[in-house]
C-alpha atoms as a PDB file:
ATOM      1  CA  TRP A   1       0.000   0.000   0.000  1.00  0.00           C
ATOM      2  CA  SER A   2       2.802   2.418   0.841  1.00  0.00           C
ATOM      3  CA  ASN A   3       4.584   1.526  -2.425  1.00  0.00           C
ATOM      4  CA  PHE A   4       1.416   2.425  -4.339  1.00  0.00           C
ATOM      5  CA  PHE A   5       1.257   5.762  -2.479  1.00  0.00           C
ATOM      6  CA  LEU A   6       4.892   6.564  -3.258  1.00  0.00           C
ATOM      7  CA  PHE A   7       4.475   5.507  -6.899  1.00  0.00           C
ATOM      8  CA  THR A   8       1.426   7.766  -7.207  1.00  0.00           C
ATOM      9  CA  LEU A   9       3.279  10.769  -5.789  1.00  0.00           C
ATOM     10  CA  ALA A  10       6.564  10.144  -7.609  1.00  0.00           C
ATOM     11  CA  GLY A  11       5.608  12.536 -10.406  1.00  0.00           C
ATOM     12  CA  TYR A  12       4.882  15.247  -7.876  1.00  0.00           C
ATOM     13  CA  GLY A  13       8.357  15.654  -6.361  1.00  0.00           C
ATOM     14  CA  VAL A  14       7.613  13.344  -3.448  1.00  0.00           C
ATOM     15  CA  VAL A  15      10.841  14.066  -1.567  1.00  0.00           C
ATOM     16  CA  THR A  16      10.260  17.815  -1.605  1.00  0.00           C
ATOM     17  CA  LEU A  17       6.601  17.400  -0.688  1.00  0.00           C
ATOM     18  CA  ALA A  18       7.475  15.080   2.202  1.00  0.00           C
ATOM     19  CA  ARG A  19      10.160  17.442   3.465  1.00  0.00           C
ATOM     20  CA  TRP A  20       7.892  20.484   3.554  1.00  0.00           C
ATOM     21  CA  LEU A  21       4.475  18.929   4.219  1.00  0.00           C
ATOM     22  CA  GLY A  22       5.411  15.823   6.219  1.00  0.00           C
ATOM     23  CA  PRO A  23       4.904  15.275   9.947  1.00  0.00           C
ATOM     24  CA  GLY A  24       8.234  16.805  10.960  1.00  0.00           C
ATOM     25  CA  ALA A  25       7.918  19.905   8.764  1.00  0.00           C
ATOM     26  CA  ASP A  26       8.117  23.378  10.282  1.00  0.00           C
ATOM     27  CA  ALA A  27       4.801  25.040   9.367  1.00  0.00           C
ATOM     28  CA  GLU A  28       6.386  28.471   9.836  1.00  0.00           C
ATOM     29  CA  ARG A  29       8.976  27.983   7.088  1.00  0.00           C
ATOM     30  CA  ALA A  30       8.563  27.810   3.324  1.00  0.00           C
ATOM     31  CA  PRO A  31      10.955  27.061   0.476  1.00  0.00           C
ATOM     32  CA  CYS A  32      12.419  30.033  -1.340  1.00  0.00           C
ATOM     33  CA  VAL A  33      10.901  30.066  -4.826  1.00  0.00           C
ATOM     34  CA  GLU A  34      10.193  32.751  -7.375  1.00  0.00           C
ATOM     35  CA  ALA A  35       6.706  34.270  -7.075  1.00  0.00           C
ATOM     36  CA  VAL A  36       5.480  37.026  -9.382  1.00  0.00           C
ATOM     37  CA  ASP A  37       2.186  38.923  -9.268  1.00  0.00           C
ATOM     38  CA  GLU A  38       0.497  39.711 -12.573  1.00  0.00           C
ATOM     39  CA  VAL A  39      -2.903  41.044 -13.607  1.00  0.00           C
ATOM     40  CA  VAL A  40      -5.105  38.967 -15.906  1.00  0.00           C
ATOM     41  CA  ALA A  41      -8.513  40.261 -17.042  1.00  0.00           C
ATOM     42  CA  GLY A  42      -8.494  42.672 -14.095  1.00  0.00           C
ATOM     43  CA  ILE A  43      -7.713  39.902 -11.590  1.00  0.00           C
ATOM     44  CA  ARG A  44      -4.460  39.823  -9.628  1.00  0.00           C
ATOM     45  CA  VAL A  45      -2.740  36.445 -10.009  1.00  0.00           C
ATOM     46  CA  ARG A  46       0.335  35.110  -8.215  1.00  0.00           C
ATOM     47  CA  VAL A  47       2.500  32.762 -10.277  1.00  0.00           C
ATOM     48  CA  TYR A  48       4.986  30.540  -8.436  1.00  0.00           C
ATOM     49  CA  GLY A  49       7.916  28.721 -10.027  1.00  0.00           C
ATOM     50  CA  ARG A  50       8.132  27.248 -13.513  1.00  0.00           C
ATOM     51  CA  ALA A  51       6.467  24.236 -15.113  1.00  0.00           C
ATOM     52  CA  ARG A  52       8.957  21.371 -14.979  1.00  0.00           C
ATOM     53  CA  ARG A  53       6.338  18.834 -13.942  1.00  0.00           C
ATOM     54  CA  SER A  54       2.668  19.834 -13.712  1.00  0.00           C
ATOM     55  CA  THR A  55       0.766  23.082 -13.772  1.00  0.00           C
ATOM     56  CA  PHE A  56      -1.481  23.717 -10.769  1.00  0.00           C
ATOM     57  CA  LEU A  57      -4.352  26.201 -10.777  1.00  0.00           C
ATOM     58  CA  VAL A  58      -5.302  26.754  -7.143  1.00  0.00           C
ATOM     59  CA  ALA A  59      -8.898  27.676  -6.316  1.00  0.00           C
ATOM     60  CA  PRO A  60      -8.474  29.619  -3.083  1.00  0.00           C
ATOM     61  CA  GLY A  61     -10.634  29.281  -0.026  1.00  0.00           C
ATOM     62  CA  LEU A  62     -12.863  32.053   1.245  1.00  0.00           C
ATOM     63  CA  HIS A  63     -10.246  34.296   2.887  1.00  0.00           C
ATOM     64  CA  TYR A  64      -9.700  38.048   2.865  1.00  0.00           C
ATOM     65  CA  ALA A  65      -5.969  37.616   2.100  1.00  0.00           C
ATOM     66  CA  GLY A  66      -6.217  35.067  -0.735  1.00  0.00           C
ATOM     67  CA  PRO A  67      -2.727  33.910  -1.761  1.00  0.00           C
ATOM     68  CA  ASP A  68      -1.271  36.410   0.745  1.00  0.00           C
ATOM     69  CA  ASP A  69      -2.544  34.133   3.545  1.00  0.00           C
ATOM     70  CA  PRO A  70       0.727  32.662   4.887  1.00  0.00           C
ATOM     71  CA  ARG A  71      -0.704  29.119   4.872  1.00  0.00           C
ATOM     72  CA  MET A  72      -1.746  29.319   1.219  1.00  0.00           C
ATOM     73  CA  ASP A  73       1.456  31.068   0.199  1.00  0.00           C
ATOM     74  CA  ARG A  74       3.488  28.340   1.915  1.00  0.00           C
ATOM     75  CA  PHE A  75       1.501  25.562   0.222  1.00  0.00           C
ATOM     76  CA  CYS A  76       1.976  27.162  -3.215  1.00  0.00           C
ATOM     77  CA  ARG A  77       5.708  27.611  -2.568  1.00  0.00           C
ATOM     78  CA  VAL A  78       6.031  23.946  -1.578  1.00  0.00           C
ATOM     79  CA  LEU A  79       4.333  22.828  -4.803  1.00  0.00           C
ATOM     80  CA  ALA A  80       6.610  25.146  -6.816  1.00  0.00           C
ATOM     81  CA  ALA A  81       9.701  23.836  -5.010  1.00  0.00           C
ATOM     82  CA  ALA A  82       8.607  20.330  -6.062  1.00  0.00           C
ATOM     83  CA  GLY A  83       8.902  21.465  -9.692  1.00  0.00           C
ATOM     84  CA  HIS A  84       5.394  22.651 -10.496  1.00  0.00           C
ATOM     85  CA  LEU A  85       4.075  25.883 -11.920  1.00  0.00           C
ATOM     86  CA  VAL A  86       1.440  27.186  -9.501  1.00  0.00           C
ATOM     87  CA  VAL A  87      -1.115  29.836 -10.454  1.00  0.00           C
ATOM     88  CA  ALA A  88      -3.084  31.293  -7.544  1.00  0.00           C
ATOM     89  CA  PRO A  89      -5.639  34.035  -8.267  1.00  0.00           C
ATOM     90  CA  PHE A  90      -6.850  36.707  -5.860  1.00  0.00           C
ATOM     91  CA  VAL A  91     -10.558  36.216  -6.623  1.00  0.00           C
ATOM     92  CA  PRO A  92     -12.116  39.610  -5.705  1.00  0.00           C
ATOM     93  CA  ASP A  93     -15.422  38.251  -4.363  1.00  0.00           C
ATOM     94  CA  TYR A  94     -13.579  35.671  -2.254  1.00  0.00           C
ATOM     95  CA  LEU A  95     -11.345  38.404  -0.839  1.00  0.00           C
ATOM     96  CA  ALA A  96     -14.562  40.249   0.080  1.00  0.00           C
ATOM     97  CA  LEU A  97     -15.927  36.982   1.588  1.00  0.00           C
ATOM     98  CA  THR A  98     -18.902  36.962  -0.806  1.00  0.00           C
ATOM     99  CA  PRO A  99     -18.836  33.810  -2.954  1.00  0.00           C
ATOM    100  CA  GLY A 100     -21.089  33.839  -5.989  1.00  0.00           C
ATOM    101  CA  THR A 101     -21.358  33.529  -9.740  1.00  0.00           C
ATOM    102  CA  ARG A 102     -18.993  36.438 -10.418  1.00  0.00           C
ATOM    103  CA  ALA A 103     -16.259  34.560  -8.508  1.00  0.00           C
ATOM    104  CA  ILE A 104     -16.858  31.516 -10.719  1.00  0.00           C
ATOM    105  CA  ASP A 105     -16.583  33.692 -13.832  1.00  0.00           C
ATOM    106  CA  ASP A 106     -13.353  35.300 -12.547  1.00  0.00           C
ATOM    107  CA  PHE A 107     -11.808  31.901 -11.844  1.00  0.00           C
ATOM    108  CA  ARG A 108     -12.724  30.740 -15.356  1.00  0.00           C
ATOM    109  CA  ARG A 109     -11.049  33.850 -16.823  1.00  0.00           C
ATOM    110  CA  VAL A 110      -7.816  32.953 -14.995  1.00  0.00           C
ATOM    111  CA  PHE A 111      -8.122  29.374 -16.315  1.00  0.00           C
ATOM    112  CA  GLU A 112      -8.489  30.722 -19.879  1.00  0.00           C
ATOM    113  CA  ALA A 113      -5.297  32.776 -19.373  1.00  0.00           C
ATOM    114  CA  LEU A 114      -3.184  29.741 -18.355  1.00  0.00           C
ATOM    115  CA  PRO A 115      -1.572  29.355 -21.827  1.00  0.00           C
ATOM    116  CA  ARG A 116       0.314  32.559 -21.046  1.00  0.00           C
ATOM    117  CA  TRP A 117       2.390  30.505 -18.549  1.00  0.00           C
ATOM    118  CA  SER A 118       1.982  26.859 -19.619  1.00  0.00           C
ATOM    119  CA  GLU A 119       0.414  24.810 -22.401  1.00  0.00           C
ATOM    120  CA  ALA A 120      -0.153  21.840 -20.066  1.00  0.00           C
ATOM    121  CA  ARG A 121      -3.619  20.897 -18.899  1.00  0.00           C
ATOM    122  CA  PRO A 122      -3.714  22.002 -15.252  1.00  0.00           C
ATOM    123  CA  VAL A 123      -4.325  20.150 -12.059  1.00  0.00           C
ATOM    124  CA  VAL A 124      -7.102  22.233 -10.480  1.00  0.00           C
ATOM    125  CA  PHE A 125      -6.608  22.123  -6.721  1.00  0.00           C
ATOM    126  CA  SER A 126      -9.283  23.651  -4.516  1.00  0.00           C
ATOM    127  CA  ILE A 127      -9.004  24.633  -0.880  1.00  0.00           C
ATOM    128  CA  ALA A 128     -12.171  24.741   1.287  1.00  0.00           C
ATOM    129  CA  PHE A 129     -14.786  27.007  -0.366  1.00  0.00           C
ATOM    130  CA  GLY A 130     -12.577  27.017  -3.457  1.00  0.00           C
ATOM    131  CA  ALA A 131     -14.461  23.801  -4.239  1.00  0.00           C
ATOM    132  CA  LEU A 132     -17.276  25.988  -5.590  1.00  0.00           C
ATOM    133  CA  LEU A 133     -14.892  27.517  -8.141  1.00  0.00           C
ATOM    134  CA  ALA A 134     -13.122  24.269  -9.024  1.00  0.00           C
ATOM    135  CA  LEU A 135     -16.243  22.141  -9.416  1.00  0.00           C
ATOM    136  CA  ALA A 136     -18.003  24.799 -11.516  1.00  0.00           C
ATOM    137  CA  LEU A 137     -14.924  25.024 -13.760  1.00  0.00           C
ATOM    138  CA  ALA A 138     -14.644  21.239 -14.060  1.00  0.00           C
ATOM    139  CA  ALA A 139     -18.332  20.970 -14.950  1.00  0.00           C
ATOM    140  CA  GLU A 140     -17.801  23.428 -17.789  1.00  0.00           C
ATOM    141  CA  VAL A 141     -14.346  22.522 -19.161  1.00  0.00           C
ATOM    142  CA  GLY A 142     -13.511  19.168 -17.559  1.00  0.00           C
ATOM    143  CA  ASP A 143     -11.906  17.779 -20.703  1.00  0.00           C
ATOM    144  CA  ARG A 144      -9.300  20.584 -20.542  1.00  0.00           C
ATOM    145  CA  ILE A 145      -8.269  19.745 -16.961  1.00  0.00           C
ATOM    146  CA  GLU A 146      -5.669  17.098 -16.102  1.00  0.00           C
ATOM    147  CA  ARG A 147      -7.009  16.392 -12.606  1.00  0.00           C
ATOM    148  CA  LEU A 148      -9.349  17.890 -10.037  1.00  0.00           C
ATOM    149  CA  VAL A 149      -8.388  17.811  -6.358  1.00  0.00           C
ATOM    150  CA  VAL A 150     -10.951  19.002  -3.807  1.00  0.00           C
ATOM    151  CA  PHE A 151      -9.279  19.572  -0.433  1.00  0.00           C
ATOM    152  CA  GLY A 152     -11.651  20.386   2.408  1.00  0.00           C
ATOM    153  CA  GLY A 153     -14.666  21.132   0.218  1.00  0.00           C
ATOM    154  CA  TYR A 154     -18.088  21.496   1.800  1.00  0.00           C
ATOM    155  CA  ALA A 155     -21.219  19.552   0.920  1.00  0.00           C
ATOM    156  CA  ASP A 156     -23.517  20.739   3.728  1.00  0.00           C
ATOM    157  CA  VAL A 157     -23.459  24.476   4.384  1.00  0.00           C
ATOM    158  CA  HIS A 158     -25.499  24.214   7.608  1.00  0.00           C
ATOM    159  CA  ALA A 159     -23.162  21.607   9.111  1.00  0.00           C
ATOM    160  CA  THR A 160     -20.190  23.708   8.033  1.00  0.00           C
ATOM    161  CA  MET A 161     -21.577  26.842   9.704  1.00  0.00           C
ATOM    162  CA  ARG A 162     -22.373  24.888  12.889  1.00  0.00           C
ATOM    163  CA  PHE A 163     -18.798  23.600  12.959  1.00  0.00           C
ATOM    164  CA  CYS A 164     -17.387  27.101  12.359  1.00  0.00           C
ATOM    165  CA  LEU A 165     -19.349  28.466  15.327  1.00  0.00           C
ATOM    166  CA  THR A 166     -19.114  25.583  17.791  1.00  0.00           C
ATOM    167  CA  GLY A 167     -16.375  23.197  16.657  1.00  0.00           C
ATOM    168  CA  GLU A 168     -18.960  20.383  16.781  1.00  0.00           C
ATOM    169  CA  VAL A 169     -19.274  17.802  14.014  1.00  0.00           C
ATOM    170  CA  ALA A 170     -22.378  15.746  13.164  1.00  0.00           C
ATOM    171  CA  SER A 171     -21.250  12.812  15.336  1.00  0.00           C
ATOM    172  CA  GLY A 172     -21.232  15.078  18.376  1.00  0.00           C
ATOM    173  CA  ARG A 173     -17.435  15.221  18.630  1.00  0.00           C
ATOM    174  CA  THR A 174     -15.879  18.630  19.065  1.00  0.00           C
ATOM    175  CA  ALA A 175     -12.651  19.998  17.678  1.00  0.00           C
ATOM    176  CA  VAL A 176     -10.630  23.116  18.320  1.00  0.00           C
ATOM    177  CA  ARG A 177     -12.383  25.819  16.335  1.00  0.00           C
ATOM    178  CA  ASP A 178     -10.782  28.775  14.632  1.00  0.00           C
ATOM    179  CA  PRO A 179     -12.263  31.992  16.083  1.00  0.00           C
ATOM    180  CA  LEU A 180     -11.673  33.733  12.737  1.00  0.00           C
ATOM    181  CA  ASN A 181     -14.488  31.592  11.303  1.00  0.00           C
ATOM    182  CA  GLN A 182     -17.085  33.560  13.278  1.00  0.00           C
ATOM    183  CA  SER A 183     -16.581  36.674  11.189  1.00  0.00           C
ATOM    184  CA  VAL A 184     -17.077  34.643   7.997  1.00  0.00           C
ATOM    185  CA  VAL A 185     -20.316  33.194   9.357  1.00  0.00           C
ATOM    186  CA  LEU A 186     -21.493  36.685  10.358  1.00  0.00           C
ATOM    187  CA  LEU A 187     -20.849  38.025   6.862  1.00  0.00           C
END
């Protein structure tokens, strides 16, 4: 089973990924990689690294900082250090914490601009509420996407809001909750 896992990740720079994302990794540090901000169709986009392996288009979560969030920036830098081109847009409605159809349209515009950096079909990787953007894009242009990865997407908005406010999951278990979630729920 572990051999299958390693074989699956081999094309993704497994050693670099394990070093920076593994159990012993320092979450406060990130690899030093080139990151350049550009504007595409009126949308600010951060481009990390160069395409030596795959191209990743990251659908950001609902966060006022977008790719400036240190956790997202670190994740994108790790992928770039593993040899991937990473494109991370600052989706205006997601920065304003108001997901909707305009955000989906903006994400599609960034997808259409990908040939400016890479001709490869992208791996679309969504984080949390970025699932809305990624799944809408995949439904429309799925044959032009290499893979779709949904990380932490939400299927039940009410359960998600309850968790954000209380830390309680459907089974009754509780987890440490992030107090920053309350402001998102309020909005």
